Amino acid sequence: MSGWRYFVCPVEFNNDSNRFQVDCEPSELFQLQDYALPSVLESFTGWTTVRLYPFQIHSIALSSFASIMGPFGGFFASGFKRAFKIKDFANTIPGHGGIMDRFDCQYLMATCVNFYIASFIR
């Protein structure tokens, strides 16, 4: 999808033509680049380089981190609740607790994703 500017550029409304327009040069994150493979992967695949968009590398890093560390958000929230001797944060959803109980993993990941974007992408 990064081949279409509509998906990687901001869409602006042009009052003169009464239409939406997409007019920008995509950032480096959305331009194909060649990457050299490590020797271990090179001997396994037979490829010396691979062409990827840089955002794909960031996506792989974030999804790997999320699948490994995401569940720990639930463990942290459970420990927090046990420390205060409560079963659920609220009773919004009967039998399931409150909204915080449903999204505890996402709160940890949102913090980590914000740190990742601020540190490595910007």
PDB file of N, CA and C in Angstrom:
ATOM      1  N   MET A   1       0.811  -1.194   0.000  1.00  0.00           N
ATOM      2  CA  MET A   1       0.000   0.000   0.000  1.00  0.00           C
ATOM      3  C   MET A   1       0.855   1.258   0.000  1.00  0.00           C
ATOM      4  N   SER A   2       2.120   1.118   0.356  1.00  0.00           N
ATOM      5  CA  SER A   2       2.964   2.306   0.394  1.00  0.00           C
ATOM      6  C   SER A   2       3.336   2.784  -1.001  1.00  0.00           C
ATOM      7  N   GLY A   3       2.966   2.041  -2.034  1.00  0.00           N
ATOM      8  CA  GLY A   3       3.200   2.492  -3.398  1.00  0.00           C
ATOM      9  C   GLY A   3       2.253   3.598  -3.826  1.00  0.00           C
ATOM     10  N   TRP A   4       1.152   3.764  -3.123  1.00  0.00           N
ATOM     11  CA  TRP A   4       0.184   4.824  -3.431  1.00  0.00           C
ATOM     12  C   TRP A   4       0.357   5.972  -2.453  1.00  0.00           C
ATOM     13  N   ARG A   5       0.484   7.154  -2.982  1.00  0.00           N
ATOM     14  CA  ARG A   5       0.695   8.337  -2.138  1.00  0.00           C
ATOM     15  C   ARG A   5      -0.490   8.605  -1.209  1.00  0.00           C
ATOM     16  N   TYR A   6      -1.655   8.147  -1.601  1.00  0.00           N
ATOM     17  CA  TYR A   6      -2.839   8.370  -0.783  1.00  0.00           C
ATOM     18  C   TYR A   6      -2.686   7.758   0.604  1.00  0.00           C
ATOM     19  N   PHE A   7      -1.904   6.679   0.725  1.00  0.00           N
ATOM     20  CA  PHE A   7      -1.751   5.997   2.000  1.00  0.00           C
ATOM     21  C   PHE A   7      -0.574   6.521   2.831  1.00  0.00           C
ATOM     22  N   VAL A   8       0.350   7.264   2.227  1.00  0.00           N
ATOM     23  CA  VAL A   8       1.534   7.706   2.969  1.00  0.00           C
ATOM     24  C   VAL A   8       1.654   9.221   3.074  1.00  0.00           C
ATOM     25  N   CYS A   9       0.812   9.956   2.379  1.00  0.00           N
ATOM     26  CA  CYS A   9       0.865  11.416   2.431  1.00  0.00           C
ATOM     27  C   CYS A   9      -0.404  11.951   3.083  1.00  0.00           C
ATOM     28  N   PRO A  10      -0.330  13.113   3.692  1.00  0.00           N
ATOM     29  CA  PRO A  10      -1.545  13.698   4.257  1.00  0.00           C
ATOM     30  C   PRO A  10      -2.498  14.129   3.148  1.00  0.00           C
ATOM     31  N   VAL A  11      -3.769  13.920   3.375  1.00  0.00           N
ATOM     32  CA  VAL A  11      -4.797  14.298   2.417  1.00  0.00           C
ATOM     33  C   VAL A  11      -5.301  15.681   2.803  1.00  0.00           C
ATOM     34  N   GLU A  12      -5.311  16.588   1.840  1.00  0.00           N
ATOM     35  CA  GLU A  12      -5.738  17.961   2.096  1.00  0.00           C
ATOM     36  C   GLU A  12      -6.919  18.306   1.198  1.00  0.00           C
ATOM     37  N   PHE A  13      -7.782  19.155   1.692  1.00  0.00           N
ATOM     38  CA  PHE A  13      -8.941  19.601   0.916  1.00  0.00           C
ATOM     39  C   PHE A  13      -8.593  20.889   0.195  1.00  0.00           C
ATOM     40  N   ASN A  14      -8.809  20.907  -1.113  1.00  0.00           N
ATOM     41  CA  ASN A  14      -8.548  22.087  -1.929  1.00  0.00           C
ATOM     42  C   ASN A  14      -9.877  22.819  -2.136  1.00  0.00           C
ATOM     43  N   ASN A  15      -9.991  24.020  -1.599  1.00  0.00           N
ATOM     44  CA  ASN A  15     -11.231  24.788  -1.710  1.00  0.00           C
ATOM     45  C   ASN A  15     -11.510  25.247  -3.141  1.00  0.00           C
ATOM     46  N   ASP A  16     -10.453  25.483  -3.917  1.00  0.00           N
ATOM     47  CA  ASP A  16     -10.649  25.960  -5.290  1.00  0.00           C
ATOM     48  C   ASP A  16     -11.310  24.906  -6.164  1.00  0.00           C
ATOM     49  N   SER A  17     -10.822  23.681  -6.091  1.00  0.00           N
ATOM     50  CA  SER A  17     -11.380  22.615  -6.927  1.00  0.00           C
ATOM     51  C   SER A  17     -12.455  21.811  -6.205  1.00  0.00           C
ATOM     52  N   ASN A  18     -12.643  22.102  -4.911  1.00  0.00           N
ATOM     53  CA  ASN A  18     -13.641  21.403  -4.099  1.00  0.00           C
ATOM     54  C   ASN A  18     -13.389  19.884  -4.072  1.00  0.00           C
ATOM     55  N   ARG A  19     -12.124  19.528  -4.012  1.00  0.00           N
ATOM     56  CA  ARG A  19     -11.726  18.114  -3.994  1.00  0.00           C
ATOM     57  C   ARG A  19     -10.603  17.907  -2.992  1.00  0.00           C
ATOM     58  N   PHE A  20     -10.429  16.652  -2.622  1.00  0.00           N
ATOM     59  CA  PHE A  20      -9.291  16.278  -1.802  1.00  0.00           C
ATOM     60  C   PHE A  20      -8.099  16.039  -2.712  1.00  0.00           C
ATOM     61  N   GLN A  21      -6.908  16.415  -2.236  1.00  0.00           N
ATOM     62  CA  GLN A  21      -5.710  16.208  -3.038  1.00  0.00           C
ATOM     63  C   GLN A  21      -4.593  15.635  -2.173  1.00  0.00           C
ATOM     64  N   VAL A  22      -3.762  14.874  -2.823  1.00  0.00           N
ATOM     65  CA  VAL A  22      -2.603  14.272  -2.169  1.00  0.00           C
ATOM     66  C   VAL A  22      -1.391  14.709  -2.964  1.00  0.00           C
ATOM     67  N   ASP A  23      -0.574  15.543  -2.359  1.00  0.00           N
ATOM     68  CA  ASP A  23       0.580  16.063  -3.080  1.00  0.00           C
ATOM     69  C   ASP A  23       1.746  16.206  -2.111  1.00  0.00           C
ATOM     70  N   CYS A  24       2.593  15.208  -2.078  1.00  0.00           N
ATOM     71  CA  CYS A  24       3.793  15.279  -1.242  1.00  0.00           C
ATOM     72  C   CYS A  24       4.810  14.268  -1.753  1.00  0.00           C
ATOM     73  N   GLU A  25       6.006  14.394  -1.273  1.00  0.00           N
ATOM     74  CA  GLU A  25       7.042  13.405  -1.543  1.00  0.00           C
ATOM     75  C   GLU A  25       7.107  12.494  -0.324  1.00  0.00           C
ATOM     76  N   PRO A  26       6.884  11.183  -0.492  1.00  0.00           N
ATOM     77  CA  PRO A  26       6.892  10.285   0.670  1.00  0.00           C
ATOM     78  C   PRO A  26       8.222  10.336   1.420  1.00  0.00           C
ATOM     79  N   SER A  27       8.148  10.201   2.725  1.00  0.00           N
ATOM     80  CA  SER A  27       9.357  10.253   3.544  1.00  0.00           C
ATOM     81  C   SER A  27      10.214   9.015   3.292  1.00  0.00           C
ATOM     82  N   GLU A  28      11.395   9.010   3.861  1.00  0.00           N
ATOM     83  CA  GLU A  28      12.321   7.889   3.672  1.00  0.00           C
ATOM     84  C   GLU A  28      11.760   6.584   4.209  1.00  0.00           C
ATOM     85  N   LEU A  29      10.839   6.648   5.161  1.00  0.00           N
ATOM     86  CA  LEU A  29      10.238   5.433   5.698  1.00  0.00           C
ATOM     87  C   LEU A  29       9.458   4.657   4.652  1.00  0.00           C
ATOM     88  N   PHE A  30       8.998   5.334   3.597  1.00  0.00           N
ATOM     89  CA  PHE A  30       8.165   4.709   2.581  1.00  0.00           C
ATOM     90  C   PHE A  30       8.856   4.639   1.227  1.00  0.00           C
ATOM     91  N   GLN A  31      10.185   4.551   1.216  1.00  0.00           N
ATOM     92  CA  GLN A  31      10.946   4.381  -0.010  1.00  0.00           C
ATOM     93  C   GLN A  31      11.785   3.114   0.119  1.00  0.00           C
ATOM     94  N   LEU A  32      11.716   2.274  -0.909  1.00  0.00           N
ATOM     95  CA  LEU A  32      12.443   1.002  -0.880  1.00  0.00           C
ATOM     96  C   LEU A  32      13.937   1.218  -0.729  1.00  0.00           C
ATOM     97  N   GLN A  33      14.557   0.378   0.093  1.00  0.00           N
ATOM     98  CA  GLN A  33      15.994   0.435   0.294  1.00  0.00           C
ATOM     99  C   GLN A  33      16.544  -0.980   0.309  1.00  0.00           C
ATOM    100  N   ASP A  34      17.813  -1.118  -0.045  1.00  0.00           N
ATOM    101  CA  ASP A  34      18.489  -2.414  -0.003  1.00  0.00           C
ATOM    102  C   ASP A  34      19.168  -2.588   1.347  1.00  0.00           C
ATOM    103  N   TYR A  35      19.010  -3.766   1.920  1.00  0.00           N
ATOM    104  CA  TYR A  35      19.635  -4.088   3.199  1.00  0.00           C
ATOM    105  C   TYR A  35      20.438  -5.365   3.033  1.00  0.00           C
ATOM    106  N   ALA A  36      21.652  -5.382   3.565  1.00  0.00           N
ATOM    107  CA  ALA A  36      22.492  -6.574   3.516  1.00  0.00           C
ATOM    108  C   ALA A  36      22.040  -7.535   4.606  1.00  0.00           C
ATOM    109  N   LEU A  37      21.958  -8.797   4.244  1.00  0.00           N
ATOM    110  CA  LEU A  37      21.553  -9.810   5.218  1.00  0.00           C
ATOM    111  C   LEU A  37      22.759 -10.262   6.040  1.00  0.00           C
ATOM    112  N   PRO A  38      22.549 -10.615   7.291  1.00  0.00           N
ATOM    113  CA  PRO A  38      23.636 -11.181   8.085  1.00  0.00           C
ATOM    114  C   PRO A  38      24.113 -12.497   7.456  1.00  0.00           C
ATOM    115  N   SER A  39      25.348 -12.863   7.733  1.00  0.00           N
ATOM    116  CA  SER A  39      25.934 -14.046   7.088  1.00  0.00           C
ATOM    117  C   SER A  39      25.167 -15.319   7.412  1.00  0.00           C
ATOM    118  N   VAL A  40      24.574 -15.400   8.585  1.00  0.00           N
ATOM    119  CA  VAL A  40      23.803 -16.592   8.957  1.00  0.00           C
ATOM    120  C   VAL A  40      22.596 -16.740   8.034  1.00  0.00           C
ATOM    121  N   LEU A  41      21.851 -15.661   7.834  1.00  0.00           N
ATOM    122  CA  LEU A  41      20.700 -15.698   6.936  1.00  0.00           C
ATOM    123  C   LEU A  41      21.118 -15.825   5.476  1.00  0.00           C
ATOM    124  N   GLU A  42      22.263 -15.254   5.135  1.00  0.00           N
ATOM    125  CA  GLU A  42      22.750 -15.330   3.763  1.00  0.00           C
ATOM    126  C   GLU A  42      23.073 -16.771   3.378  1.00  0.00           C
ATOM    127  N   SER A  43      23.706 -17.512   4.268  1.00  0.00           N
ATOM    128  CA  SER A  43      24.018 -18.909   3.966  1.00  0.00           C
ATOM    129  C   SER A  43      22.754 -19.766   3.948  1.00  0.00           C
ATOM    130  N   PHE A  44      21.748 -19.382   4.719  1.00  0.00           N
ATOM    131  CA  PHE A  44      20.500 -20.144   4.770  1.00  0.00           C
ATOM    132  C   PHE A  44      19.614 -19.881   3.557  1.00  0.00           C
ATOM    133  N   THR A  45      19.502 -18.604   3.137  1.00  0.00           N
ATOM    134  CA  THR A  45      18.597 -18.252   2.046  1.00  0.00           C
ATOM    135  C   THR A  45      19.280 -18.168   0.688  1.00  0.00           C
ATOM    136  N   GLY A  46      20.584 -17.886   0.670  1.00  0.00           N
ATOM    137  CA  GLY A  46      21.284 -17.692  -0.590  1.00  0.00           C
ATOM    138  C   GLY A  46      21.197 -16.270  -1.111  1.00  0.00           C
ATOM    139  N   TRP A  47      20.527 -15.385  -0.387  1.00  0.00           N
ATOM    140  CA  TRP A  47      20.405 -13.983  -0.782  1.00  0.00           C
ATOM    141  C   TRP A  47      21.481 -13.167  -0.075  1.00  0.00           C
ATOM    142  N   THR A  48      21.990 -12.151  -0.749  1.00  0.00           N
ATOM    143  CA  THR A  48      22.961 -11.262  -0.107  1.00  0.00           C
ATOM    144  C   THR A  48      22.286  -9.991   0.401  1.00  0.00           C
ATOM    145  N   THR A  49      21.265  -9.546  -0.333  1.00  0.00           N
ATOM    146  CA  THR A  49      20.528  -8.350   0.089  1.00  0.00           C
ATOM    147  C   THR A  49      19.036  -8.616  -0.016  1.00  0.00           C
ATOM    148  N   VAL A  50      18.287  -7.742   0.625  1.00  0.00           N
ATOM    149  CA  VAL A  50      16.831  -7.798   0.554  1.00  0.00           C
ATOM    150  C   VAL A  50      16.323  -6.364   0.438  1.00  0.00           C
ATOM    151  N   ARG A  51      15.268  -6.158  -0.378  1.00  0.00           N
ATOM    152  CA  ARG A  51      14.682  -4.818  -0.549  1.00  0.00           C
ATOM    153  C   ARG A  51      13.449  -4.712   0.332  1.00  0.00           C
ATOM    154  N   LEU A  52      13.483  -3.743   1.244  1.00  0.00           N
ATOM    155  CA  LEU A  52      12.389  -3.521   2.178  1.00  0.00           C
ATOM    156  C   LEU A  52      12.134  -2.026   2.322  1.00  0.00           C
ATOM    157  N   TYR A  53      10.920  -1.718   2.753  1.00  0.00           N
ATOM    158  CA  TYR A  53      10.635  -0.367   3.200  1.00  0.00           C
ATOM    159  C   TYR A  53      11.102  -0.272   4.655  1.00  0.00           C
ATOM    160  N   PRO A  54      11.721   0.838   5.065  1.00  0.00           N
ATOM    161  CA  PRO A  54      12.164   0.954   6.454  1.00  0.00           C
ATOM    162  C   PRO A  54      11.040   0.786   7.470  1.00  0.00           C
ATOM    163  N   PHE A  55       9.815   1.178   7.125  1.00  0.00           N
ATOM    164  CA  PHE A  55       8.731   1.016   8.088  1.00  0.00           C
ATOM    165  C   PHE A  55       8.448  -0.461   8.345  1.00  0.00           C
ATOM    166  N   GLN A  56       8.794  -1.345   7.402  1.00  0.00           N
ATOM    167  CA  GLN A  56       8.604  -2.778   7.618  1.00  0.00           C
ATOM    168  C   GLN A  56       9.529  -3.289   8.724  1.00  0.00           C
ATOM    169  N   ILE A  57      10.725  -2.760   8.782  1.00  0.00           N
ATOM    170  CA  ILE A  57      11.658  -3.159   9.841  1.00  0.00           C
ATOM    171  C   ILE A  57      11.127  -2.696  11.194  1.00  0.00           C
ATOM    172  N   HIS A  58      10.603  -1.463  11.244  1.00  0.00           N
ATOM    173  CA  HIS A  58      10.011  -0.979  12.489  1.00  0.00           C
ATOM    174  C   HIS A  58       8.789  -1.815  12.869  1.00  0.00           C
ATOM    175  N   SER A  59       8.004  -2.216  11.887  1.00  0.00           N
ATOM    176  CA  SER A  59       6.819  -3.045  12.158  1.00  0.00           C
ATOM    177  C   SER A  59       7.207  -4.399  12.725  1.00  0.00           C
ATOM    178  N   ILE A  60       8.251  -4.991  12.184  1.00  0.00           N
ATOM    179  CA  ILE A  60       8.733  -6.282  12.698  1.00  0.00           C
ATOM    180  C   ILE A  60       9.212  -6.127  14.135  1.00  0.00           C
ATOM    181  N   ALA A  61       9.956  -5.054  14.408  1.00  0.00           N
ATOM    182  CA  ALA A  61      10.449  -4.832  15.768  1.00  0.00           C
ATOM    183  C   ALA A  61       9.302  -4.630  16.750  1.00  0.00           C
ATOM    184  N   LEU A  62       8.332  -3.801  16.392  1.00  0.00           N
ATOM    185  CA  LEU A  62       7.209  -3.529  17.288  1.00  0.00           C
ATOM    186  C   LEU A  62       6.316  -4.752  17.486  1.00  0.00           C
ATOM    187  N   SER A  63       6.049  -5.497  16.425  1.00  0.00           N
ATOM    188  CA  SER A  63       5.191  -6.679  16.571  1.00  0.00           C
ATOM    189  C   SER A  63       5.877  -7.770  17.368  1.00  0.00           C
ATOM    190  N   SER A  64       7.193  -7.932  17.206  1.00  0.00           N
ATOM    191  CA  SER A  64       7.919  -8.907  18.021  1.00  0.00           C
ATOM    192  C   SER A  64       7.886  -8.517  19.490  1.00  0.00           C
ATOM    193  N   PHE A  65       8.138  -7.242  19.748  1.00  0.00           N
ATOM    194  CA  PHE A  65       8.105  -6.769  21.132  1.00  0.00           C
ATOM    195  C   PHE A  65       6.714  -6.926  21.729  1.00  0.00           C
ATOM    196  N   ALA A  66       5.681  -6.605  20.938  1.00  0.00           N
ATOM    197  CA  ALA A  66       4.308  -6.696  21.439  1.00  0.00           C
ATOM    198  C   ALA A  66       3.923  -8.130  21.760  1.00  0.00           C
ATOM    199  N   SER A  67       4.318  -9.072  20.925  1.00  0.00           N
ATOM    200  CA  SER A  67       3.940 -10.463  21.172  1.00  0.00           C
ATOM    201  C   SER A  67       4.674 -11.056  22.367  1.00  0.00           C
ATOM    202  N   ILE A  68       5.855 -10.554  22.656  1.00  0.00           N
ATOM    203  CA  ILE A  68       6.622 -11.082  23.791  1.00  0.00           C
ATOM    204  C   ILE A  68       6.282 -10.340  25.082  1.00  0.00           C
ATOM    205  N   MET A  69       6.238  -9.015  25.032  1.00  0.00           N
ATOM    206  CA  MET A  69       6.076  -8.213  26.243  1.00  0.00           C
ATOM    207  C   MET A  69       4.637  -7.793  26.535  1.00  0.00           C
ATOM    208  N   GLY A  70       3.757  -7.834  25.556  1.00  0.00           N
ATOM    209  CA  GLY A  70       2.372  -7.410  25.738  1.00  0.00           C
ATOM    210  C   GLY A  70       1.661  -8.101  26.890  1.00  0.00           C
ATOM    211  N   PRO A  71       1.754  -9.434  26.991  1.00  0.00           N
ATOM    212  CA  PRO A  71       1.065 -10.108  28.096  1.00  0.00           C
ATOM    213  C   PRO A  71       1.518  -9.673  29.485  1.00  0.00           C
ATOM    214  N   PHE A  72       2.722  -9.129  29.588  1.00  0.00           N
ATOM    215  CA  PHE A  72       3.190  -8.696  30.899  1.00  0.00           C
ATOM    216  C   PHE A  72       2.403  -7.497  31.429  1.00  0.00           C
ATOM    217  N   GLY A  73       1.728  -6.761  30.540  1.00  0.00           N
ATOM    218  CA  GLY A  73       0.850  -5.684  30.997  1.00  0.00           C
ATOM    219  C   GLY A  73      -0.260  -6.229  31.874  1.00  0.00           C
ATOM    220  N   GLY A  74      -0.791  -7.395  31.492  1.00  0.00           N
ATOM    221  CA  GLY A  74      -1.805  -8.056  32.313  1.00  0.00           C
ATOM    222  C   GLY A  74      -1.251  -8.500  33.652  1.00  0.00           C
ATOM    223  N   PHE A  75      -0.020  -9.011  33.645  1.00  0.00           N
ATOM    224  CA  PHE A  75       0.610  -9.440  34.898  1.00  0.00           C
ATOM    225  C   PHE A  75       0.846  -8.249  35.825  1.00  0.00           C
ATOM    226  N   PHE A  76       1.309  -7.122  35.259  1.00  0.00           N
ATOM    227  CA  PHE A  76       1.542  -5.928  36.070  1.00  0.00           C
ATOM    228  C   PHE A  76       0.238  -5.411  36.659  1.00  0.00           C
ATOM    229  N   ALA A  77      -0.820  -5.380  35.843  1.00  0.00           N
ATOM    230  CA  ALA A  77      -2.120  -4.903  36.334  1.00  0.00           C
ATOM    231  C   ALA A  77      -2.660  -5.843  37.406  1.00  0.00           C
ATOM    232  N   SER A  78      -2.475  -7.142  37.221  1.00  0.00           N
ATOM    233  CA  SER A  78      -2.934  -8.102  38.224  1.00  0.00           C
ATOM    234  C   SER A  78      -2.181  -7.926  39.541  1.00  0.00           C
ATOM    235  N   GLY A  79      -0.883  -7.711  39.448  1.00  0.00           N
ATOM    236  CA  GLY A  79      -0.097  -7.457  40.659  1.00  0.00           C
ATOM    237  C   GLY A  79      -0.501  -6.178  41.349  1.00  0.00           C
ATOM    238  N   PHE A  80      -0.800  -5.161  40.545  1.00  0.00           N
ATOM    239  CA  PHE A  80      -1.254  -3.885  41.099  1.00  0.00           C
ATOM    240  C   PHE A  80      -2.569  -4.066  41.844  1.00  0.00           C
ATOM    241  N   LYS A  81      -3.499  -4.826  41.257  1.00  0.00           N
ATOM    242  CA  LYS A  81      -4.793  -5.058  41.905  1.00  0.00           C
ATOM    243  C   LYS A  81      -4.628  -5.886  43.169  1.00  0.00           C
ATOM    244  N   ARG A  82      -3.753  -6.886  43.141  1.00  0.00           N
ATOM    245  CA  ARG A  82      -3.530  -7.707  44.342  1.00  0.00           C
ATOM    246  C   ARG A  82      -2.931  -6.894  45.474  1.00  0.00           C
ATOM    247  N   ALA A  83      -2.073  -5.935  45.120  1.00  0.00           N
ATOM    248  CA  ALA A  83      -1.469  -5.092  46.154  1.00  0.00           C
ATOM    249  C   ALA A  83      -2.524  -4.278  46.884  1.00  0.00           C
ATOM    250  N   PHE A  84      -3.597  -3.895  46.188  1.00  0.00           N
ATOM    251  CA  PHE A  84      -4.674  -3.137  46.798  1.00  0.00           C
ATOM    252  C   PHE A  84      -5.863  -3.998  47.190  1.00  0.00           C
ATOM    253  N   LYS A  85      -5.699  -5.328  47.052  1.00  0.00           N
ATOM    254  CA  LYS A  85      -6.718  -6.304  47.449  1.00  0.00           C
ATOM    255  C   LYS A  85      -8.071  -6.051  46.787  1.00  0.00           C
ATOM    256  N   ILE A  86      -8.029  -5.812  45.461  1.00  0.00           N
ATOM    257  CA  ILE A  86      -9.261  -5.673  44.695  1.00  0.00           C
ATOM    258  C   ILE A  86      -9.253  -6.700  43.569  1.00  0.00           C
ATOM    259  N   LYS A  87     -10.446  -7.140  43.166  1.00  0.00           N
ATOM    260  CA  LYS A  87     -10.550  -8.143  42.107  1.00  0.00           C
ATOM    261  C   LYS A  87     -10.558  -7.503  40.733  1.00  0.00           C
ATOM    262  N   ASP A  88     -11.344  -6.457  40.564  1.00  0.00           N
ATOM    263  CA  ASP A  88     -11.466  -5.767  39.285  1.00  0.00           C
ATOM    264  C   ASP A  88     -11.307  -4.267  39.507  1.00  0.00           C
ATOM    265  N   PHE A  89     -10.885  -3.555  38.457  1.00  0.00           N
ATOM    266  CA  PHE A  89     -10.761  -2.106  38.551  1.00  0.00           C
ATOM    267  C   PHE A  89     -12.128  -1.430  38.603  1.00  0.00           C
ATOM    268  N   ALA A  90     -13.136  -2.051  38.005  1.00  0.00           N
ATOM    269  CA  ALA A  90     -14.492  -1.494  38.007  1.00  0.00           C
ATOM    270  C   ALA A  90     -15.466  -2.626  37.691  1.00  0.00           C
ATOM    271  N   ASN A  91     -16.746  -2.320  37.635  1.00  0.00           N
ATOM    272  CA  ASN A  91     -17.737  -3.338  37.292  1.00  0.00           C
ATOM    273  C   ASN A  91     -18.526  -2.932  36.050  1.00  0.00           C
ATOM    274  N   THR A  92     -17.881  -2.216  35.143  1.00  0.00           N
ATOM    275  CA  THR A  92     -18.525  -1.757  33.914  1.00  0.00           C
ATOM    276  C   THR A  92     -19.030  -2.927  33.076  1.00  0.00           C
ATOM    277  N   ILE A  93     -18.203  -3.956  32.943  1.00  0.00           N
ATOM    278  CA  ILE A  93     -18.562  -5.143  32.174  1.00  0.00           C
ATOM    279  C   ILE A  93     -18.750  -6.276  33.185  1.00  0.00           C
ATOM    280  N   PRO A  94     -19.988  -6.677  33.478  1.00  0.00           N
ATOM    281  CA  PRO A  94     -20.218  -7.688  34.514  1.00  0.00           C
ATOM    282  C   PRO A  94     -19.457  -8.993  34.234  1.00  0.00           C
ATOM    283  N   GLY A  95     -18.717  -9.434  35.234  1.00  0.00           N
ATOM    284  CA  GLY A  95     -17.940 -10.658  35.114  1.00  0.00           C
ATOM    285  C   GLY A  95     -16.573 -10.478  34.487  1.00  0.00           C
ATOM    286  N   HIS A  96     -16.311  -9.302  33.918  1.00  0.00           N
ATOM    287  CA  HIS A  96     -15.033  -9.057  33.257  1.00  0.00           C
ATOM    288  C   HIS A  96     -14.261  -7.899  33.865  1.00  0.00           C
ATOM    289  N   GLY A  97     -14.847  -7.150  34.736  1.00  0.00           N
ATOM    290  CA  GLY A  97     -14.183  -5.982  35.284  1.00  0.00           C
ATOM    291  C   GLY A  97     -14.474  -4.751  34.447  1.00  0.00           C
ATOM    292  N   GLY A  98     -13.671  -3.748  34.631  1.00  0.00           N
ATOM    293  CA  GLY A  98     -13.887  -2.494  33.915  1.00  0.00           C
ATOM    294  C   GLY A  98     -13.114  -2.436  32.616  1.00  0.00           C
ATOM    295  N   ILE A  99     -13.121  -1.263  32.036  1.00  0.00           N
ATOM    296  CA  ILE A  99     -12.418  -1.046  30.776  1.00  0.00           C
ATOM    297  C   ILE A  99     -10.918  -1.267  30.973  1.00  0.00           C
ATOM    298  N   MET A 100     -10.391  -0.826  32.093  1.00  0.00           N
ATOM    299  CA  MET A 100      -8.966  -1.018  32.370  1.00  0.00           C
ATOM    300  C   MET A 100      -8.599  -2.501  32.407  1.00  0.00           C
ATOM    301  N   ASP A 101      -9.504  -3.351  32.903  1.00  0.00           N
ATOM    302  CA  ASP A 101      -9.231  -4.778  32.949  1.00  0.00           C
ATOM    303  C   ASP A 101      -9.150  -5.390  31.548  1.00  0.00           C
ATOM    304  N   ARG A 102      -9.856  -4.841  30.599  1.00  0.00           N
ATOM    305  CA  ARG A 102      -9.857  -5.366  29.223  1.00  0.00           C
ATOM    306  C   ARG A 102      -8.660  -4.873  28.426  1.00  0.00           C
ATOM    307  N   PHE A 103      -8.120  -3.703  28.798  1.00  0.00           N
ATOM    308  CA  PHE A 103      -7.068  -3.091  27.990  1.00  0.00           C
ATOM    309  C   PHE A 103      -5.740  -2.928  28.733  1.00  0.00           C
ATOM    310  N   ASP A 104      -5.502  -3.718  29.762  1.00  0.00           N
ATOM    311  CA  ASP A 104      -4.276  -3.534  30.533  1.00  0.00           C
ATOM    312  C   ASP A 104      -3.023  -3.801  29.705  1.00  0.00           C
ATOM    313  N   CYS A 105      -3.054  -4.755  28.812  1.00  0.00           N
ATOM    314  CA  CYS A 105      -1.897  -5.027  27.953  1.00  0.00           C
ATOM    315  C   CYS A 105      -1.645  -3.865  26.991  1.00  0.00           C
ATOM    316  N   GLN A 106      -2.716  -3.265  26.501  1.00  0.00           N
ATOM    317  CA  GLN A 106      -2.570  -2.179  25.548  1.00  0.00           C
ATOM    318  C   GLN A 106      -1.972  -0.932  26.191  1.00  0.00           C
ATOM    319  N   TYR A 107      -2.236  -0.701  27.472  1.00  0.00           N
ATOM    320  CA  TYR A 107      -1.642   0.460  28.138  1.00  0.00           C
ATOM    321  C   TYR A 107      -0.123   0.340  28.211  1.00  0.00           C
ATOM    322  N   LEU A 108       0.376  -0.842  28.521  1.00  0.00           N
ATOM    323  CA  LEU A 108       1.822  -1.053  28.550  1.00  0.00           C
ATOM    324  C   LEU A 108       2.404  -0.884  27.153  1.00  0.00           C
ATOM    325  N   MET A 109       1.752  -1.465  26.157  1.00  0.00           N
ATOM    326  CA  MET A 109       2.263  -1.383  24.796  1.00  0.00           C
ATOM    327  C   MET A 109       2.183   0.039  24.252  1.00  0.00           C
ATOM    328  N   ALA A 110       1.158   0.787  24.589  1.00  0.00           N
ATOM    329  CA  ALA A 110       1.055   2.171  24.127  1.00  0.00           C
ATOM    330  C   ALA A 110       2.225   2.998  24.661  1.00  0.00           C
ATOM    331  N   THR A 111       2.597   2.761  25.896  1.00  0.00           N
ATOM    332  CA  THR A 111       3.749   3.458  26.476  1.00  0.00           C
ATOM    333  C   THR A 111       5.026   3.084  25.746  1.00  0.00           C
ATOM    334  N   CYS A 112       5.215   1.802  25.490  1.00  0.00           N
ATOM    335  CA  CYS A 112       6.428   1.337  24.805  1.00  0.00           C
ATOM    336  C   CYS A 112       6.473   1.810  23.353  1.00  0.00           C
ATOM    337  N   VAL A 113       5.335   1.813  22.665  1.00  0.00           N
ATOM    338  CA  VAL A 113       5.297   2.271  21.279  1.00  0.00           C
ATOM    339  C   VAL A 113       5.590   3.765  21.212  1.00  0.00           C
ATOM    340  N   ASN A 114       5.067   4.533  22.137  1.00  0.00           N
ATOM    341  CA  ASN A 114       5.356   5.964  22.176  1.00  0.00           C
ATOM    342  C   ASN A 114       6.851   6.201  22.371  1.00  0.00           C
ATOM    343  N   PHE A 115       7.469   5.456  23.270  1.00  0.00           N
ATOM    344  CA  PHE A 115       8.908   5.578  23.491  1.00  0.00           C
ATOM    345  C   PHE A 115       9.681   5.186  22.231  1.00  0.00           C
ATOM    346  N   TYR A 116       9.277   4.101  21.571  1.00  0.00           N
ATOM    347  CA  TYR A 116       9.958   3.629  20.362  1.00  0.00           C
ATOM    348  C   TYR A 116       9.880   4.664  19.248  1.00  0.00           C
ATOM    349  N   ILE A 117       8.695   5.216  19.030  1.00  0.00           N
ATOM    350  CA  ILE A 117       8.531   6.205  17.967  1.00  0.00           C
ATOM    351  C   ILE A 117       9.342   7.457  18.267  1.00  0.00           C
ATOM    352  N   ALA A 118       9.302   7.915  19.512  1.00  0.00           N
ATOM    353  CA  ALA A 118      10.043   9.125  19.877  1.00  0.00           C
ATOM    354  C   ALA A 118      11.556   8.909  19.799  1.00  0.00           C
ATOM    355  N   SER A 119      12.016   7.691  20.072  1.00  0.00           N
ATOM    356  CA  SER A 119      13.458   7.434  20.117  1.00  0.00           C
ATOM    357  C   SER A 119      14.057   7.041  18.764  1.00  0.00           C
ATOM    358  N   PHE A 120      13.346   6.203  18.010  1.00  0.00           N
ATOM    359  CA  PHE A 120      13.967   5.602  16.820  1.00  0.00           C
ATOM    360  C   PHE A 120      13.404   6.078  15.492  1.00  0.00           C
ATOM    361  N   ILE A 121      12.167   6.526  15.449  1.00  0.00           N
ATOM    362  CA  ILE A 121      11.569   6.891  14.175  1.00  0.00           C
ATOM    363  C   ILE A 121      11.674   8.385  13.912  1.00  0.00           C
ATOM    364  N   ARG A 122      11.404   9.220  14.906  1.00  0.00           N
ATOM    365  CA  ARG A 122      11.498  10.664  14.717  1.00  0.00           C
ATOM    366  C   ARG A 122      12.948  11.037  14.708  1.00  0.00           C
TER     367      ARG A 122
END
